[in-house]
Structure formats: C-alpha cells, structure tokens
Amino acid sequence: MIDIEAGETRALRWPAARGRNIVRAVVRGPFLRVVAPGDCLRVRAEPGAAGRELVCAADGVLLTDLGETRETADGRWRKVRAPDGVEGWASDPFLER
C-alpha cells in the first residue's frame, strides 16, 4: 500500500491470505510526480496562475496524467487528477515522469 500523505509504502496483509499480499485497489497511470520541495503544487481549475486553486499537492505526490497540455502566458500546464479524484491543471515544470 502507498500512503501518499505519510510518504510510506507497506505490504497489505490479511490473516486469511496465509502471508500473501492482497490487491485492494488499482489506480492506472500514467503518473506525474510533484517536484515542489518545501512547498506544494497548486492544481488549478483552469490552466494559468490566475486559475482558482483546487488542491495543493505536496512534493512527491503522484498525479494521474490526463494527457492534455496547454500553453499560456504563464507557461505549459498539464491536465491532472489528484489522489482524491479532483481534476485540474498543474504547472509542467513542477512535474516529472
């Protein structure tokens, strides 16, 4: 299991599984990792720095890449989905594949 908020990974165990891991959920990618050390990346309702803030994703969080990009006066923006399901736009320089 990946605990995004705590930044930890651990195996899921269930007594009936006799020591084997059990898949509880699958989230399909592709993913983009937030690279915003010491801060968070604001996911916005519209591409551009003036867009309304929807989510503030911490450094290291995986966002789902929704495959759409836009160029604005503020630079390049990617359409993403946050772990809580919120969809919006994130500034490309703060994302890595």
Protein backbone atom coordinates (compact mmCIF):
# COMPACT_ATOMS: atom_id res chain seq x y z
CA MET A 1 0.00 0.00 0.00
CA ILE A 2 1.23 3.51 -0.73
CA ASP A 3 0.26 6.07 1.88
CA ILE A 4 0.74 9.32 -0.05
CA GLU A 5 0.16 11.59 2.95
CA ALA A 6 2.73 9.79 5.13
CA GLY A 7 5.09 9.04 2.24
CA GLU A 8 5.27 5.35 3.21
CA THR A 9 4.84 2.02 1.46
CA ARG A 10 3.98 -1.28 3.12
CA ALA A 11 2.63 -4.69 2.24
CA LEU A 12 -1.05 -5.35 2.86
CA ARG A 13 -1.73 -8.49 4.85
CA TRP A 14 -4.92 -10.27 5.69
CA PRO A 15 -4.94 -13.29 8.03
CA ALA A 16 -6.88 -15.46 5.56
CA ALA A 17 -4.29 -14.81 2.86
CA ARG A 18 -1.75 -17.06 4.64
CA GLY A 19 1.04 -14.47 4.36
CA ARG A 20 0.37 -13.42 0.75
CA ASN A 21 -0.26 -9.84 -0.34
CA ILE A 22 -3.77 -8.96 -1.47
CA VAL A 23 -4.53 -6.24 -4.02
CA ARG A 24 -7.16 -3.93 -2.52
CA ALA A 25 -7.21 -1.28 -5.25
CA VAL A 26 -5.53 -0.44 -8.52
CA VAL A 27 -5.03 3.02 -9.92
CA ARG A 28 -3.95 3.15 -13.54
CA GLY A 29 -1.38 5.66 -14.77
CA PRO A 30 0.47 7.26 -16.37
CA PHE A 31 1.54 9.30 -13.38
CA LEU A 32 3.41 12.54 -12.88
CA ARG A 33 5.31 13.12 -9.62
CA VAL A 34 5.10 16.54 -7.97
CA VAL A 35 8.53 18.14 -7.65
CA ALA A 36 7.96 21.10 -5.31
CA PRO A 37 10.45 20.73 -2.42
CA GLY A 38 9.38 22.55 0.71
CA ASP A 39 6.08 23.62 -0.77
CA CYS A 40 3.16 22.19 -2.68
CA LEU A 41 1.95 22.34 -6.26
CA ARG A 42 -1.35 24.10 -6.74
CA VAL A 43 -3.71 22.23 -9.03
CA ARG A 44 -5.97 24.84 -10.60
CA ALA A 45 -9.43 24.87 -12.19
CA GLU A 46 -8.08 26.49 -15.39
CA PRO A 47 -4.58 26.45 -16.90
CA GLY A 48 -2.64 29.51 -15.68
CA ALA A 49 -1.54 31.05 -12.41
CA ALA A 50 -4.79 33.01 -12.13
CA GLY A 51 -6.92 29.84 -12.08
CA ARG A 52 -8.82 29.02 -8.89
CA GLU A 53 -6.86 26.66 -6.62
CA LEU A 54 -8.50 23.25 -6.20
CA VAL A 55 -5.82 21.18 -4.47
CA CYS A 56 -2.34 21.76 -3.07
CA ALA A 57 -0.35 18.57 -3.84
CA ALA A 58 2.72 18.01 -1.66
CA ASP A 59 6.18 17.23 -3.01
CA GLY A 60 6.34 13.58 -4.12
CA VAL A 61 2.60 13.07 -4.63
CA LEU A 62 1.63 11.13 -7.77
CA LEU A 63 -0.91 12.82 -10.02
CA THR A 64 -2.60 11.00 -12.88
CA ASP A 65 -1.62 12.49 -16.25
CA LEU A 66 -4.85 13.00 -18.21
CA GLY A 67 -2.92 13.55 -21.46
CA GLU A 68 -3.84 17.15 -22.20
CA THR A 69 -1.44 20.13 -22.22
CA ARG A 70 -1.98 23.84 -22.75
CA GLU A 71 0.41 26.73 -23.30
CA THR A 72 -0.46 30.00 -21.59
CA ALA A 73 1.38 33.23 -20.85
CA ASP A 74 2.37 31.53 -17.56
CA GLY A 75 3.98 28.55 -19.33
CA ARG A 76 2.95 24.96 -20.01
CA TRP A 77 0.15 23.31 -18.00
CA ARG A 78 -0.92 19.65 -17.77
CA LYS A 79 -4.38 18.31 -17.02
CA VAL A 80 -4.10 16.00 -13.99
CA ARG A 81 -6.19 14.09 -11.47
CA ALA A 82 -5.23 14.31 -7.79
CA PRO A 83 -5.40 11.25 -5.49
CA ASP A 84 -8.75 12.47 -4.13
CA GLY A 85 -10.21 12.46 -7.67
CA VAL A 86 -10.17 16.22 -8.25
CA GLU A 87 -9.21 17.11 -11.84
CA GLY A 88 -7.45 20.32 -12.78
CA TRP A 89 -4.31 21.89 -14.25
CA ALA A 90 -0.77 21.79 -12.87
CA SER A 91 2.32 23.73 -13.97
CA ASP A 92 4.55 21.42 -16.06
CA PRO A 93 7.97 22.50 -14.64
CA PHE A 94 6.91 21.09 -11.24
CA LEU A 95 6.04 17.63 -12.63
CA GLU A 96 8.29 14.71 -13.56
CA ARG A 97 7.50 11.48 -15.35
